């Protein structure tokens, strides 16, 4: 899942490396998609998170 926050309006020397790294990490995590819901650039708490993993089937205890 991608949002408008995954791409900036203007490229700069500061945002380009961060966007590359963000895409790289999402690419690594794609293998976990059958076990986790992968969220990108969402709002959480008092700000925004880069990547969030939610377990699809939590262990019942």
PDB file of N, CA and C in Angstrom:
ATOM      1  N   UNK A   1       0.845  -1.160   0.000  1.00  0.00           N
ATOM      2  CA  UNK A   1       0.000   0.000   0.000  1.00  0.00           C
ATOM      3  C   UNK A   1       0.898   1.232   0.000  1.00  0.00           C
ATOM      4  N   UNK A   2       0.634   2.139  -0.900  1.00  0.00           N
ATOM      5  CA  UNK A   2       1.402   3.369  -0.975  1.00  0.00           C
ATOM      6  C   UNK A   2       0.459   4.547  -0.847  1.00  0.00           C
ATOM      7  N   UNK A   3       0.992   5.651  -0.385  1.00  0.00           N
ATOM      8  CA  UNK A   3       0.185   6.854  -0.250  1.00  0.00           C
ATOM      9  C   UNK A   3       0.900   8.014  -0.918  1.00  0.00           C
ATOM     10  N   UNK A   4       0.269   9.173  -0.882  1.00  0.00           N
ATOM     11  CA  UNK A   4       0.899  10.357  -1.462  1.00  0.00           C
ATOM     12  C   UNK A   4       2.146  10.760  -0.691  1.00  0.00           C
ATOM     13  N   UNK A   5       2.304  10.253   0.529  1.00  0.00           N
ATOM     14  CA  UNK A   5       3.493  10.572   1.315  1.00  0.00           C
ATOM     15  C   UNK A   5       4.701   9.752   0.868  1.00  0.00           C
ATOM     16  N   UNK A   6       4.489   8.716   0.051  1.00  0.00           N
ATOM     17  CA  UNK A   6       5.605   7.925  -0.465  1.00  0.00           C
ATOM     18  C   UNK A   6       6.373   8.676  -1.544  1.00  0.00           C
ATOM     19  N   UNK A   7       5.720   9.613  -2.194  1.00  0.00           N
ATOM     20  CA  UNK A   7       6.385  10.424  -3.208  1.00  0.00           C
ATOM     21  C   UNK A   7       6.210  11.881  -2.839  1.00  0.00           C
ATOM     22  N   UNK A   8       7.248  12.647  -2.984  1.00  0.00           N
ATOM     23  CA  UNK A   8       7.180  14.062  -2.651  1.00  0.00           C
ATOM     24  C   UNK A   8       6.760  14.893  -3.848  1.00  0.00           C
ATOM     25  N   UNK A   9       6.399  16.134  -3.574  1.00  0.00           N
ATOM     26  CA  UNK A   9       6.053  17.039  -4.668  1.00  0.00           C
ATOM     27  C   UNK A   9       7.306  17.461  -5.417  1.00  0.00           C
ATOM     28  N   UNK A  10       8.380  17.629  -4.671  1.00  0.00           N
ATOM     29  CA  UNK A  10       9.652  18.019  -5.281  1.00  0.00           C
ATOM     30  C   UNK A  10      10.751  17.117  -4.751  1.00  0.00           C
ATOM     31  N   UNK A  11      11.627  16.734  -5.636  1.00  0.00           N
ATOM     32  CA  UNK A  11      12.773  15.937  -5.202  1.00  0.00           C
ATOM     33  C   UNK A  11      13.835  16.868  -4.642  1.00  0.00           C
ATOM     34  N   UNK A  12      14.496  16.433  -3.606  1.00  0.00           N
ATOM     35  CA  UNK A  12      15.597  17.199  -3.044  1.00  0.00           C
ATOM     36  C   UNK A  12      16.659  16.228  -2.569  1.00  0.00           C
ATOM     37  N   UNK A  13      17.804  16.753  -2.258  1.00  0.00           N
ATOM     38  CA  UNK A  13      18.893  15.905  -1.784  1.00  0.00           C
ATOM     39  C   UNK A  13      18.581  15.295  -0.425  1.00  0.00           C
ATOM     40  N   UNK A  14      17.597  15.837   0.287  1.00  0.00           N
ATOM     41  CA  UNK A  14      17.250  15.320   1.608  1.00  0.00           C
ATOM     42  C   UNK A  14      16.171  14.245   1.539  1.00  0.00           C
ATOM     43  N   UNK A  15      15.183  14.426   0.670  1.00  0.00           N
ATOM     44  CA  UNK A  15      14.075  13.467   0.627  1.00  0.00           C
ATOM     45  C   UNK A  15      14.364  12.268  -0.257  1.00  0.00           C
ATOM     46  N   UNK A  16      15.188  12.433  -1.271  1.00  0.00           N
ATOM     47  CA  UNK A  16      15.438  11.329  -2.203  1.00  0.00           C
ATOM     48  C   UNK A  16      16.054  10.109  -1.519  1.00  0.00           C
ATOM     49  N   UNK A  17      17.105  10.252  -0.682  1.00  0.00           N
ATOM     50  CA  UNK A  17      17.644   9.054  -0.006  1.00  0.00           C
ATOM     51  C   UNK A  17      16.624   8.397   0.923  1.00  0.00           C
ATOM     52  N   UNK A  18      15.809   9.199   1.596  1.00  0.00           N
ATOM     53  CA  UNK A  18      14.806   8.632   2.501  1.00  0.00           C
ATOM     54  C   UNK A  18      13.751   7.861   1.714  1.00  0.00           C
ATOM     55  N   UNK A  19      13.321   8.387   0.586  1.00  0.00           N
ATOM     56  CA  UNK A  19      12.325   7.689  -0.231  1.00  0.00           C
ATOM     57  C   UNK A  19      12.897   6.400  -0.791  1.00  0.00           C
ATOM     58  N   UNK A  20      14.161   6.416  -1.184  1.00  0.00           N
ATOM     59  CA  UNK A  20      14.798   5.195  -1.683  1.00  0.00           C
ATOM     60  C   UNK A  20      14.843   4.137  -0.587  1.00  0.00           C
ATOM     61  N   UNK A  21      15.280   4.525   0.612  1.00  0.00           N
ATOM     62  CA  UNK A  21      15.383   3.584   1.728  1.00  0.00           C
ATOM     63  C   UNK A  21      14.005   3.043   2.094  1.00  0.00           C
ATOM     64  N   UNK A  22      13.003   3.905   2.099  1.00  0.00           N
ATOM     65  CA  UNK A  22      11.636   3.494   2.428  1.00  0.00           C
ATOM     66  C   UNK A  22      11.157   2.427   1.440  1.00  0.00           C
ATOM     67  N   UNK A  23      11.367   2.650   0.159  1.00  0.00           N
ATOM     68  CA  UNK A  23      10.988   1.670  -0.858  1.00  0.00           C
ATOM     69  C   UNK A  23      11.776   0.379  -0.736  1.00  0.00           C
ATOM     70  N   UNK A  24      13.053   0.491  -0.388  1.00  0.00           N
ATOM     71  CA  UNK A  24      13.903  -0.685  -0.208  1.00  0.00           C
ATOM     72  C   UNK A  24      13.387  -1.552   0.938  1.00  0.00           C
ATOM     73  N   UNK A  25      13.072  -0.932   2.067  1.00  0.00           N
ATOM     74  CA  UNK A  25      12.574  -1.679   3.228  1.00  0.00           C
ATOM     75  C   UNK A  25      11.215  -2.299   2.917  1.00  0.00           C
ATOM     76  N   UNK A  26      10.337  -1.571   2.232  1.00  0.00           N
ATOM     77  CA  UNK A  26       9.049  -2.153   1.839  1.00  0.00           C
ATOM     78  C   UNK A  26       9.252  -3.364   0.939  1.00  0.00           C
ATOM     79  N   UNK A  27      10.232  -3.294   0.060  1.00  0.00           N
ATOM     80  CA  UNK A  27      10.543  -4.428  -0.808  1.00  0.00           C
ATOM     81  C   UNK A  27      11.001  -5.643  -0.028  1.00  0.00           C
ATOM     82  N   UNK A  28      11.776  -5.421   1.035  1.00  0.00           N
ATOM     83  CA  UNK A  28      12.219  -6.530   1.878  1.00  0.00           C
ATOM     84  C   UNK A  28      11.053  -7.151   2.646  1.00  0.00           C
ATOM     85  N   UNK A  29      10.123  -6.316   3.070  1.00  0.00           N
ATOM     86  CA  UNK A  29       9.012  -6.786   3.898  1.00  0.00           C
ATOM     87  C   UNK A  29       7.888  -7.438   3.096  1.00  0.00           C
ATOM     88  N   UNK A  30       7.923  -7.334   1.777  1.00  0.00           N
ATOM     89  CA  UNK A  30       6.843  -7.894   0.963  1.00  0.00           C
ATOM     90  C   UNK A  30       6.712  -9.405   1.165  1.00  0.00           C
ATOM     91  N   UNK A  31       7.771 -10.069   1.550  1.00  0.00           N
ATOM     92  CA  UNK A  31       7.722 -11.513   1.813  1.00  0.00           C
ATOM     93  C   UNK A  31       6.861 -11.852   3.030  1.00  0.00           C
ATOM     94  N   UNK A  32       6.612 -10.872   3.894  1.00  0.00           N
ATOM     95  CA  UNK A  32       5.826 -11.107   5.107  1.00  0.00           C
ATOM     96  C   UNK A  32       4.335 -10.839   4.905  1.00  0.00           C
ATOM     97  N   UNK A  33       3.916 -10.548   3.684  1.00  0.00           N
ATOM     98  CA  UNK A  33       2.537 -10.118   3.449  1.00  0.00           C
ATOM     99  C   UNK A  33       1.493 -11.178   3.753  1.00  0.00           C
ATOM    100  N   UNK A  34       1.873 -12.445   3.818  1.00  0.00           N
ATOM    101  CA  UNK A  34       0.896 -13.484   4.149  1.00  0.00           C
ATOM    102  C   UNK A  34       0.703 -13.627   5.655  1.00  0.00           C
ATOM    103  N   UNK A  35       1.608 -13.063   6.444  1.00  0.00           N
ATOM    104  CA  UNK A  35       1.516 -13.139   7.899  1.00  0.00           C
ATOM    105  C   UNK A  35       1.182 -11.798   8.547  1.00  0.00           C
ATOM    106  N   UNK A  36       1.446 -10.699   7.834  1.00  0.00           N
ATOM    107  CA  UNK A  36       1.268  -9.361   8.392  1.00  0.00           C
ATOM    108  C   UNK A  36       0.538  -8.462   7.409  1.00  0.00           C
ATOM    109  N   UNK A  37      -0.174  -7.481   7.955  1.00  0.00           N
ATOM    110  CA  UNK A  37      -0.685  -6.372   7.160  1.00  0.00           C
ATOM    111  C   UNK A  37       0.405  -5.314   7.221  1.00  0.00           C
ATOM    112  N   UNK A  38       0.867  -4.854   6.075  1.00  0.00           N
ATOM    113  CA  UNK A  38       1.949  -3.880   6.024  1.00  0.00           C
ATOM    114  C   UNK A  38       1.348  -2.524   5.672  1.00  0.00           C
ATOM    115  N   UNK A  39       1.527  -1.557   6.567  1.00  0.00           N
ATOM    116  CA  UNK A  39       1.019  -0.198   6.358  1.00  0.00           C
ATOM    117  C   UNK A  39       2.204   0.736   6.170  1.00  0.00           C
ATOM    118  N   UNK A  40       2.018   1.724   5.323  1.00  0.00           N
ATOM    119  CA  UNK A  40       3.094   2.651   5.006  1.00  0.00           C
ATOM    120  C   UNK A  40       2.633   4.089   5.188  1.00  0.00           C
ATOM    121  N   UNK A  41       3.443   4.877   5.891  1.00  0.00           N
ATOM    122  CA  UNK A  41       3.223   6.315   6.061  1.00  0.00           C
ATOM    123  C   UNK A  41       1.834   6.653   6.582  1.00  0.00           C
ATOM    124  N   UNK A  42       1.466   6.073   7.678  1.00  0.00           N
ATOM    125  CA  UNK A  42       0.160   6.347   8.264  1.00  0.00           C
ATOM    126  C   UNK A  42       0.267   7.258   9.469  1.00  0.00           C
ATOM    127  N   UNK A  43      -0.876   7.663   9.969  1.00  0.00           N
ATOM    128  CA  UNK A  43      -0.915   8.478  11.170  1.00  0.00           C
ATOM    129  C   UNK A  43      -1.055   7.565  12.369  1.00  0.00           C
ATOM    130  N   UNK A  44      -0.271   7.843  13.391  1.00  0.00           N
ATOM    131  CA  UNK A  44      -0.337   7.038  14.602  1.00  0.00           C
ATOM    132  C   UNK A  44       0.122   7.836  15.802  1.00  0.00           C
ATOM    133  N   UNK A  45      -0.640   7.771  16.877  1.00  0.00           N
ATOM    134  CA  UNK A  45      -0.251   8.500  18.077  1.00  0.00           C
ATOM    135  C   UNK A  45      -0.224   9.994  17.829  1.00  0.00           C
ATOM    136  N   UNK A  46       0.940  10.596  18.077  1.00  0.00           N
ATOM    137  CA  UNK A  46       1.093  12.042  17.934  1.00  0.00           C
ATOM    138  C   UNK A  46       1.773  12.434  16.621  1.00  0.00           C
ATOM    139  N   UNK A  47       1.900  11.503  15.687  1.00  0.00           N
ATOM    140  CA  UNK A  47       2.596  11.833  14.444  1.00  0.00           C
ATOM    141  C   UNK A  47       2.326  10.808  13.361  1.00  0.00           C
ATOM    142  N   UNK A  48       3.344  10.548  12.556  1.00  0.00           N
ATOM    143  CA  UNK A  48       3.231   9.611  11.446  1.00  0.00           C
ATOM    144  C   UNK A  48       4.282   8.528  11.609  1.00  0.00           C
ATOM    145  N   UNK A  49       3.951   7.318  11.151  1.00  0.00           N
ATOM    146  CA  UNK A  49       4.926   6.234  11.162  1.00  0.00           C
ATOM    147  C   UNK A  49       5.361   5.957   9.726  1.00  0.00           C
ATOM    148  N   UNK A  50       6.550   5.398   9.574  1.00  0.00           N
ATOM    149  CA  UNK A  50       7.052   5.037   8.247  1.00  0.00           C
ATOM    150  C   UNK A  50       6.440   3.720   7.786  1.00  0.00           C
ATOM    151  N   UNK A  51       6.643   2.672   8.585  1.00  0.00           N
ATOM    152  CA  UNK A  51       6.125   1.345   8.231  1.00  0.00           C
ATOM    153  C   UNK A  51       5.587   0.682   9.492  1.00  0.00           C
ATOM    154  N   UNK A  52       4.405   0.079   9.384  1.00  0.00           N
ATOM    155  CA  UNK A  52       3.811  -0.617  10.517  1.00  0.00           C
ATOM    156  C   UNK A  52       3.427  -2.021  10.058  1.00  0.00           C
ATOM    157  N   UNK A  53       3.745  -3.014  10.887  1.00  0.00           N
ATOM    158  CA  UNK A  53       3.366  -4.400  10.620  1.00  0.00           C
ATOM    159  C   UNK A  53       2.318  -4.819  11.642  1.00  0.00           C
ATOM    160  N   UNK A  54       1.195  -5.341  11.163  1.00  0.00           N
ATOM    161  CA  UNK A  54       0.139  -5.849  12.034  1.00  0.00           C
ATOM    162  C   UNK A  54      -0.002  -7.341  11.779  1.00  0.00           C
ATOM    163  N   UNK A  55       0.143  -8.141  12.823  1.00  0.00           N
ATOM    164  CA  UNK A  55       0.040  -9.595  12.699  1.00  0.00           C
ATOM    165  C   UNK A  55      -1.377  -9.962  12.274  1.00  0.00           C
ATOM    166  N   UNK A  56      -1.512 -10.775  11.236  1.00  0.00           N
ATOM    167  CA  UNK A  56      -2.835 -11.183  10.758  1.00  0.00           C
ATOM    168  C   UNK A  56      -3.548 -12.098  11.743  1.00  0.00           C
ATOM    169  N   UNK A  57      -2.825 -13.045  12.304  1.00  0.00           N
ATOM    170  CA  UNK A  57      -3.421 -14.010  13.220  1.00  0.00           C
ATOM    171  C   UNK A  57      -2.671 -13.962  14.543  1.00  0.00           C
ATOM    172  N   UNK A  58      -3.066 -13.048  15.450  1.00  0.00           N
ATOM    173  CA  UNK A  58      -2.358 -12.961  16.732  1.00  0.00           C
ATOM    174  C   UNK A  58      -2.522 -14.245  17.547  1.00  0.00           C
ATOM    175  N   UNK A  59      -1.511 -14.547  18.318  1.00  0.00           N
ATOM    176  CA  UNK A  59      -1.567 -15.731  19.182  1.00  0.00           C
ATOM    177  C   UNK A  59      -2.594 -15.513  20.274  1.00  0.00           C
ATOM    178  N   UNK A  60      -3.416 -16.490  20.541  1.00  0.00           N
ATOM    179  CA  UNK A  60      -4.383 -16.389  21.633  1.00  0.00           C
ATOM    180  C   UNK A  60      -3.785 -17.042  22.867  1.00  0.00           C
ATOM    181  N   UNK A  61      -3.816 -16.317  23.955  1.00  0.00           N
ATOM    182  CA  UNK A  61      -3.250 -16.825  25.221  1.00  0.00           C
ATOM    183  C   UNK A  61      -4.252 -16.694  26.323  1.00  0.00           C
TER     184      UNK A  61
END
